[in-house]
Amino acid sequence: MKKNKPVRFKESVGIDIGTHSVKIVHLKKLHDGFNLLNYEVRPTVPQGVEYTLSDLRPERFAPVIVEMMKTLKISPKSIKHLVSSIGGDNTSIKQIKTIFLPDEELESALFFEAKKHIPISGSDMVLDYQVLSVEEKTNNMNILLSATSKEVLNEHTGILSTAGLNPHIVDIDSLAVANSFIMNAFAEEGVYVLLNVGAHRTNMVIWGPEAKFFA
């Protein structure tokens, strides 16, 4: 999950591994935003081969990514900042409210709290969080939890590793959409509805400067 830290990298590569296609973008950080250096989109199933969702095993994706990197003339070893995301039934995000806790107590407390709200086995859960706000009157904390299973995360990072890539940031799909929007300058107030429409699932984020809601 994005942690509101200064962006220190000069170039970044983003990979979206979808059921229908794989997308790669190569970005350069500028003073006031990003410059798109190159991009590539390829189907997960070669042309002429019947598309069957059940046939999309993890080992199918790495060779596609390798060929795309060659086309883009990007050496995997040269990538200093690789961003990707995961989604599906075994990923979840949830906004909760809790009493104020210092940083050294918060993470362990949230792991137990997450078991109440997120339908993933506690022993198999990989959890991250972000403090959205602290209420002045009550001192309660509004926190965004994101979680996945070790199996999903290991499968995803395994695909990238097989392609010779070292994962740096692995986001949840909905958060990746929100972070992409937030990092682009905008001045208007109000509420924004962000949709990520995929071949087999759609994510929706309702976002505003004063309040965020992820669904």
C-alpha atoms as a PDB file:
ATOM      1  CA  MET A   1       0.000   0.000   0.000  1.00  0.00           C
ATOM      2  CA  LYS A   2       1.227   3.497  -0.780  1.00  0.00           C
ATOM      3  CA  LYS A   3       2.613   5.247   2.312  1.00  0.00           C
ATOM      4  CA  ASN A   4       2.692   8.938   1.281  1.00  0.00           C
ATOM      5  CA  LYS A   5       6.496   9.058   1.105  1.00  0.00           C
ATOM      6  CA  PRO A   6       8.466  11.271  -1.299  1.00  0.00           C
ATOM      7  CA  VAL A   7       9.044   9.695  -4.694  1.00  0.00           C
ATOM      8  CA  ARG A   8      12.825   9.155  -4.908  1.00  0.00           C
ATOM      9  CA  PHE A   9      13.159   7.057  -8.058  1.00  0.00           C
ATOM     10  CA  LYS A  10      13.944   8.494 -11.505  1.00  0.00           C
ATOM     11  CA  GLU A  11      12.243   5.804 -13.569  1.00  0.00           C
ATOM     12  CA  SER A  12       9.532   3.272 -12.803  1.00  0.00           C
ATOM     13  CA  VAL A  13       8.078   0.217 -14.501  1.00  0.00           C
ATOM     14  CA  GLY A  14       4.474  -0.782 -13.870  1.00  0.00           C
ATOM     15  CA  ILE A  15       3.054  -4.212 -14.701  1.00  0.00           C
ATOM     16  CA  ASP A  16      -0.619  -5.205 -14.777  1.00  0.00           C
ATOM     17  CA  ILE A  17      -1.052  -8.972 -15.111  1.00  0.00           C
ATOM     18  CA  GLY A  18      -4.649  -9.482 -16.172  1.00  0.00           C
ATOM     19  CA  THR A  19      -6.591 -12.544 -17.235  1.00  0.00           C
ATOM     20  CA  HIS A  20      -7.051 -11.142 -20.750  1.00  0.00           C
ATOM     21  CA  SER A  21      -3.807  -9.231 -21.275  1.00  0.00           C
ATOM     22  CA  VAL A  22      -0.547  -8.103 -19.697  1.00  0.00           C
ATOM     23  CA  LYS A  23       0.237  -4.394 -19.683  1.00  0.00           C
ATOM     24  CA  ILE A  24       3.629  -2.763 -19.031  1.00  0.00           C
ATOM     25  CA  VAL A  25       4.401   0.954 -18.763  1.00  0.00           C
ATOM     26  CA  HIS A  26       7.805   2.637 -18.451  1.00  0.00           C
ATOM     27  CA  LEU A  27       7.681   6.034 -16.735  1.00  0.00           C
ATOM     28  CA  LYS A  28      10.214   8.763 -15.998  1.00  0.00           C
ATOM     29  CA  LYS A  29       9.754  10.977 -12.945  1.00  0.00           C
ATOM     30  CA  LEU A  30       9.647  14.687 -13.708  1.00  0.00           C
ATOM     31  CA  HIS A  31       9.507  17.642 -11.345  1.00  0.00           C
ATOM     32  CA  ASP A  32       5.775  18.074 -11.884  1.00  0.00           C
ATOM     33  CA  GLY A  33       4.638  14.577 -12.818  1.00  0.00           C
ATOM     34  CA  PHE A  34       5.636  11.673 -15.037  1.00  0.00           C
ATOM     35  CA  ASN A  35       6.627  11.174 -18.659  1.00  0.00           C
ATOM     36  CA  LEU A  36       5.481   8.018 -20.462  1.00  0.00           C
ATOM     37  CA  LEU A  37       8.625   6.601 -22.074  1.00  0.00           C
ATOM     38  CA  ASN A  38       7.054   3.486 -23.548  1.00  0.00           C
ATOM     39  CA  TYR A  39       4.336   0.888 -23.094  1.00  0.00           C
ATOM     40  CA  GLU A  40       3.330  -2.550 -24.337  1.00  0.00           C
ATOM     41  CA  VAL A  41       0.115  -4.609 -24.238  1.00  0.00           C
ATOM     42  CA  ARG A  42      -0.067  -8.301 -25.098  1.00  0.00           C
ATOM     43  CA  PRO A  43      -2.808 -10.927 -24.753  1.00  0.00           C
ATOM     44  CA  THR A  44      -2.243 -13.683 -22.235  1.00  0.00           C
ATOM     45  CA  VAL A  45      -3.250 -16.249 -24.849  1.00  0.00           C
ATOM     46  CA  PRO A  46      -1.455 -16.247 -28.239  1.00  0.00           C
ATOM     47  CA  GLN A  47      -3.465 -15.383 -31.316  1.00  0.00           C
ATOM     48  CA  GLY A  48      -5.239 -18.420 -32.732  1.00  0.00           C
ATOM     49  CA  VAL A  49      -5.404 -20.226 -29.380  1.00  0.00           C
ATOM     50  CA  GLU A  50      -8.832 -20.582 -27.778  1.00  0.00           C
ATOM     51  CA  TYR A  51      -9.161 -18.467 -24.638  1.00  0.00           C
ATOM     52  CA  THR A  52     -10.106 -20.532 -21.583  1.00  0.00           C
ATOM     53  CA  LEU A  53      -9.878 -18.892 -18.166  1.00  0.00           C
ATOM     54  CA  SER A  54      -9.120 -22.190 -16.409  1.00  0.00           C
ATOM     55  CA  ASP A  55      -6.020 -22.631 -18.606  1.00  0.00           C
ATOM     56  CA  LEU A  56      -4.409 -19.405 -17.369  1.00  0.00           C
ATOM     57  CA  ARG A  57      -1.879 -21.019 -15.074  1.00  0.00           C
ATOM     58  CA  PRO A  58       0.861 -18.888 -13.443  1.00  0.00           C
ATOM     59  CA  GLU A  59       3.593 -20.352 -15.674  1.00  0.00           C
ATOM     60  CA  ARG A  60       1.897 -18.874 -18.753  1.00  0.00           C
ATOM     61  CA  PHE A  61       2.585 -15.257 -17.762  1.00  0.00           C
ATOM     62  CA  ALA A  62       6.362 -15.114 -17.218  1.00  0.00           C
ATOM     63  CA  PRO A  63       7.313 -15.880 -20.868  1.00  0.00           C
ATOM     64  CA  VAL A  64       4.887 -13.163 -22.027  1.00  0.00           C
ATOM     65  CA  ILE A  65       6.492 -10.638 -19.670  1.00  0.00           C
ATOM     66  CA  VAL A  66      10.011 -11.613 -20.808  1.00  0.00           C
ATOM     67  CA  GLU A  67       9.119 -11.025 -24.465  1.00  0.00           C
ATOM     68  CA  MET A  68       7.462  -7.707 -23.641  1.00  0.00           C
ATOM     69  CA  MET A  69      10.561  -6.508 -21.777  1.00  0.00           C
ATOM     70  CA  LYS A  70      12.687  -7.403 -24.801  1.00  0.00           C
ATOM     71  CA  THR A  71      10.357  -5.438 -27.077  1.00  0.00           C
ATOM     72  CA  LEU A  72      10.573  -2.433 -24.749  1.00  0.00           C
ATOM     73  CA  LYS A  73      14.375  -2.871 -24.535  1.00  0.00           C
ATOM     74  CA  ILE A  74      14.282  -2.866 -20.742  1.00  0.00           C
ATOM     75  CA  SER A  75      16.803  -4.982 -18.862  1.00  0.00           C
ATOM     76  CA  PRO A  76      15.195  -6.488 -15.746  1.00  0.00           C
ATOM     77  CA  LYS A  77      18.403  -5.833 -13.783  1.00  0.00           C
ATOM     78  CA  SER A  78      18.195  -2.124 -14.605  1.00  0.00           C
ATOM     79  CA  ILE A  79      14.758  -1.676 -13.000  1.00  0.00           C
ATOM     80  CA  LYS A  80      15.055   0.139  -9.674  1.00  0.00           C
ATOM     81  CA  HIS A  81      11.329   0.602  -9.036  1.00  0.00           C
ATOM     82  CA  LEU A  82       8.820  -2.054 -10.128  1.00  0.00           C
ATOM     83  CA  VAL A  83       5.139  -1.623  -9.306  1.00  0.00           C
ATOM     84  CA  SER A  84       2.426  -4.250  -9.769  1.00  0.00           C
ATOM     85  CA  SER A  85      -0.913  -5.168  -8.233  1.00  0.00           C
ATOM     86  CA  ILE A  86      -3.042  -8.146  -7.275  1.00  0.00           C
ATOM     87  CA  GLY A  87      -6.791  -8.698  -7.091  1.00  0.00           C
ATOM     88  CA  GLY A  88      -9.467 -11.333  -6.867  1.00  0.00           C
ATOM     89  CA  ASP A  89     -11.419 -13.167  -4.195  1.00  0.00           C
ATOM     90  CA  ASN A  90      -8.443 -13.588  -1.860  1.00  0.00           C
ATOM     91  CA  THR A  91      -7.649  -9.895  -1.684  1.00  0.00           C
ATOM     92  CA  SER A  92      -9.608  -7.479   0.451  1.00  0.00           C
ATOM     93  CA  ILE A  93      -9.675  -3.877   1.652  1.00  0.00           C
ATOM     94  CA  LYS A  94     -11.635  -2.513   4.567  1.00  0.00           C
ATOM     95  CA  GLN A  95     -11.925   0.841   6.331  1.00  0.00           C
ATOM     96  CA  ILE A  96     -12.176   0.623  10.106  1.00  0.00           C
ATOM     97  CA  LYS A  97     -12.205   2.972  13.079  1.00  0.00           C
ATOM     98  CA  THR A  98     -10.190   2.292  16.216  1.00  0.00           C
ATOM     99  CA  ILE A  99      -8.931   4.069  19.306  1.00  0.00           C
ATOM    100  CA  PHE A 100      -5.679   5.967  18.967  1.00  0.00           C
ATOM    101  CA  LEU A 101      -2.623   3.750  19.341  1.00  0.00           C
ATOM    102  CA  PRO A 102       1.087   4.572  19.067  1.00  0.00           C
ATOM    103  CA  ASP A 103       2.934   3.145  16.076  1.00  0.00           C
ATOM    104  CA  GLU A 104       4.690   0.455  18.090  1.00  0.00           C
ATOM    105  CA  GLU A 105       1.317  -1.000  19.184  1.00  0.00           C
ATOM    106  CA  LEU A 106      -0.772  -0.319  16.101  1.00  0.00           C
ATOM    107  CA  GLU A 107       0.443  -3.014  13.709  1.00  0.00           C
ATOM    108  CA  SER A 108      -0.017  -5.949  16.094  1.00  0.00           C
ATOM    109  CA  ALA A 109      -3.424  -4.648  17.214  1.00  0.00           C
ATOM    110  CA  LEU A 110      -4.595  -4.254  13.612  1.00  0.00           C
ATOM    111  CA  PHE A 111      -3.701  -7.835  12.749  1.00  0.00           C
ATOM    112  CA  PHE A 112      -6.167  -9.110  15.335  1.00  0.00           C
ATOM    113  CA  GLU A 113      -8.729  -6.466  14.347  1.00  0.00           C
ATOM    114  CA  ALA A 114      -8.428  -7.452  10.691  1.00  0.00           C
ATOM    115  CA  LYS A 115      -9.520 -11.008  11.482  1.00  0.00           C
ATOM    116  CA  LYS A 116     -12.956  -9.610  12.401  1.00  0.00           C
ATOM    117  CA  HIS A 117     -13.425  -7.707   9.146  1.00  0.00           C
ATOM    118  CA  ILE A 118     -11.483  -9.500   6.401  1.00  0.00           C
ATOM    119  CA  PRO A 119     -12.495 -13.009   5.205  1.00  0.00           C
ATOM    120  CA  ILE A 120      -8.980 -14.449   4.976  1.00  0.00           C
ATOM    121  CA  SER A 121      -7.543 -17.052   7.343  1.00  0.00           C
ATOM    122  CA  GLY A 122      -5.528 -15.256  10.004  1.00  0.00           C
ATOM    123  CA  SER A 123      -2.519 -17.576   9.756  1.00  0.00           C
ATOM    124  CA  ASP A 124      -2.477 -17.130   5.966  1.00  0.00           C
ATOM    125  CA  MET A 125      -3.030 -13.362   5.955  1.00  0.00           C
ATOM    126  CA  VAL A 126      -0.575 -10.760   4.672  1.00  0.00           C
ATOM    127  CA  LEU A 127      -1.687  -7.395   6.045  1.00  0.00           C
ATOM    128  CA  ASP A 128      -0.817  -3.770   5.342  1.00  0.00           C
ATOM    129  CA  TYR A 129      -2.496  -0.574   6.484  1.00  0.00           C
ATOM    130  CA  GLN A 130      -2.604   3.196   6.162  1.00  0.00           C
ATOM    131  CA  VAL A 131      -3.870   5.737   8.683  1.00  0.00           C
ATOM    132  CA  LEU A 132      -6.316   7.922   6.743  1.00  0.00           C
ATOM    133  CA  SER A 133      -7.075  10.416   9.504  1.00  0.00           C
ATOM    134  CA  VAL A 134      -7.268  11.011  13.259  1.00  0.00           C
ATOM    135  CA  GLU A 135     -10.502  12.586  14.512  1.00  0.00           C
ATOM    136  CA  GLU A 136      -9.854  15.686  16.617  1.00  0.00           C
ATOM    137  CA  LYS A 137     -12.818  15.322  18.990  1.00  0.00           C
ATOM    138  CA  THR A 138     -12.603  11.594  19.742  1.00  0.00           C
ATOM    139  CA  ASN A 139      -8.944  10.943  18.857  1.00  0.00           C
ATOM    140  CA  ASN A 140     -10.146   7.842  17.013  1.00  0.00           C
ATOM    141  CA  MET A 141      -8.162   6.671  14.004  1.00  0.00           C
ATOM    142  CA  ASN A 142      -9.674   5.951  10.589  1.00  0.00           C
ATOM    143  CA  ILE A 143      -7.579   3.204   9.070  1.00  0.00           C
ATOM    144  CA  LEU A 144      -7.557   1.481   5.696  1.00  0.00           C
ATOM    145  CA  LEU A 145      -6.654  -2.202   5.862  1.00  0.00           C
ATOM    146  CA  SER A 146      -5.509  -4.178   2.841  1.00  0.00           C
ATOM    147  CA  ALA A 147      -4.913  -7.901   2.935  1.00  0.00           C
ATOM    148  CA  THR A 148      -4.288 -10.920   0.794  1.00  0.00           C
ATOM    149  CA  SER A 149      -3.288 -14.523   1.324  1.00  0.00           C
ATOM    150  CA  LYS A 150       0.300 -15.731   1.296  1.00  0.00           C
ATOM    151  CA  GLU A 151      -0.626 -18.036  -1.585  1.00  0.00           C
ATOM    152  CA  VAL A 152      -1.843 -15.179  -3.810  1.00  0.00           C
ATOM    153  CA  LEU A 153       1.135 -12.962  -2.992  1.00  0.00           C
ATOM    154  CA  ASN A 154       3.675 -15.749  -3.469  1.00  0.00           C
ATOM    155  CA  GLU A 155       2.109 -16.761  -6.795  1.00  0.00           C
ATOM    156  CA  HIS A 156       2.266 -13.159  -8.036  1.00  0.00           C
ATOM    157  CA  THR A 157       5.837 -12.503  -6.924  1.00  0.00           C
ATOM    158  CA  GLY A 158       6.804 -15.923  -8.288  1.00  0.00           C
ATOM    159  CA  ILE A 159       5.609 -14.912 -11.767  1.00  0.00           C
ATOM    160  CA  LEU A 160       7.690 -11.738 -11.608  1.00  0.00           C
ATOM    161  CA  SER A 161      10.752 -13.561 -10.270  1.00  0.00           C
ATOM    162  CA  THR A 162      10.511 -16.197 -13.013  1.00  0.00           C
ATOM    163  CA  ALA A 163      10.551 -13.332 -15.522  1.00  0.00           C
ATOM    164  CA  GLY A 164      13.760 -12.061 -13.906  1.00  0.00           C
ATOM    165  CA  LEU A 165      12.095  -9.178 -12.079  1.00  0.00           C
ATOM    166  CA  ASN A 166      12.435  -8.077  -8.461  1.00  0.00           C
ATOM    167  CA  PRO A 167       9.081  -6.871  -7.043  1.00  0.00           C
ATOM    168  CA  HIS A 168       9.271  -3.581  -5.134  1.00  0.00           C
ATOM    169  CA  ILE A 169       5.637  -2.532  -4.610  1.00  0.00           C
ATOM    170  CA  VAL A 170       2.694  -4.938  -4.817  1.00  0.00           C
ATOM    171  CA  ASP A 171      -0.605  -3.104  -4.392  1.00  0.00           C
ATOM    172  CA  ILE A 172      -4.237  -4.165  -4.257  1.00  0.00           C
ATOM    173  CA  ASP A 173      -5.963  -3.358  -7.577  1.00  0.00           C
ATOM    174  CA  SER A 174      -8.358  -0.794  -6.088  1.00  0.00           C
ATOM    175  CA  LEU A 175      -5.554   0.981  -4.242  1.00  0.00           C
ATOM    176  CA  ALA A 176      -3.409   1.033  -7.370  1.00  0.00           C
ATOM    177  CA  VAL A 177      -6.221   2.810  -9.218  1.00  0.00           C
ATOM    178  CA  ALA A 178      -6.627   5.325  -6.390  1.00  0.00           C
ATOM    179  CA  ASN A 179      -2.884   5.951  -6.075  1.00  0.00           C
ATOM    180  CA  SER A 180      -2.583   6.521  -9.819  1.00  0.00           C
ATOM    181  CA  PHE A 181      -5.367   9.108  -9.640  1.00  0.00           C
ATOM    182  CA  ILE A 182      -4.027  10.829  -6.521  1.00  0.00           C
ATOM    183  CA  MET A 183      -0.513  11.203  -7.951  1.00  0.00           C
ATOM    184  CA  ASN A 184      -1.900  13.258 -10.836  1.00  0.00           C
ATOM    185  CA  ALA A 185      -2.508  16.891  -9.939  1.00  0.00           C
ATOM    186  CA  PHE A 186      -6.113  18.043  -9.647  1.00  0.00           C
ATOM    187  CA  ALA A 187      -7.699  21.013  -7.889  1.00  0.00           C
ATOM    188  CA  GLU A 188     -11.438  20.374  -7.994  1.00  0.00           C
ATOM    189  CA  GLU A 189     -13.315  19.577  -4.813  1.00  0.00           C
ATOM    190  CA  GLY A 190     -16.056  16.978  -4.635  1.00  0.00           C
ATOM    191  CA  VAL A 191     -16.252  13.221  -4.976  1.00  0.00           C
ATOM    192  CA  TYR A 192     -14.751  11.073  -7.717  1.00  0.00           C
ATOM    193  CA  VAL A 193     -15.838   7.587  -8.775  1.00  0.00           C
ATOM    194  CA  LEU A 194     -12.961   5.569 -10.226  1.00  0.00           C
ATOM    195  CA  LEU A 195     -13.678   2.354 -12.127  1.00  0.00           C
ATOM    196  CA  ASN A 196     -11.173  -0.291 -13.141  1.00  0.00           C
ATOM    197  CA  VAL A 197     -13.060  -2.459 -15.635  1.00  0.00           C
ATOM    198  CA  GLY A 198     -11.330  -5.756 -16.369  1.00  0.00           C
ATOM    199  CA  ALA A 199     -12.237  -8.795 -18.440  1.00  0.00           C
ATOM    200  CA  HIS A 200     -13.632 -10.722 -15.450  1.00  0.00           C
ATOM    201  CA  ARG A 201     -13.919  -8.261 -12.542  1.00  0.00           C
ATOM    202  CA  THR A 202     -14.421  -4.564 -11.886  1.00  0.00           C
ATOM    203  CA  ASN A 203     -13.105  -2.469  -8.984  1.00  0.00           C
ATOM    204  CA  MET A 204     -14.719   0.763  -7.817  1.00  0.00           C
ATOM    205  CA  VAL A 205     -13.193   3.493  -5.669  1.00  0.00           C
ATOM    206  CA  ILE A 206     -15.138   6.507  -4.406  1.00  0.00           C
ATOM    207  CA  TRP A 207     -12.589   9.169  -3.505  1.00  0.00           C
ATOM    208  CA  GLY A 208     -12.669  12.732  -2.220  1.00  0.00           C
ATOM    209  CA  PRO A 209     -10.116  15.048  -0.563  1.00  0.00           C
ATOM    210  CA  GLU A 210     -11.956  14.760   2.759  1.00  0.00           C
ATOM    211  CA  ALA A 211     -13.134  11.157   2.581  1.00  0.00           C
ATOM    212  CA  LYS A 212     -12.245   7.933   0.812  1.00  0.00           C
ATOM    213  CA  PHE A 213     -14.299   4.828   0.264  1.00  0.00           C
ATOM    214  CA  PHE A 214     -13.038   1.659  -1.372  1.00  0.00           C
ATOM    215  CA  ALA A 215     -15.364  -1.047  -2.646  1.00  0.00           C
END
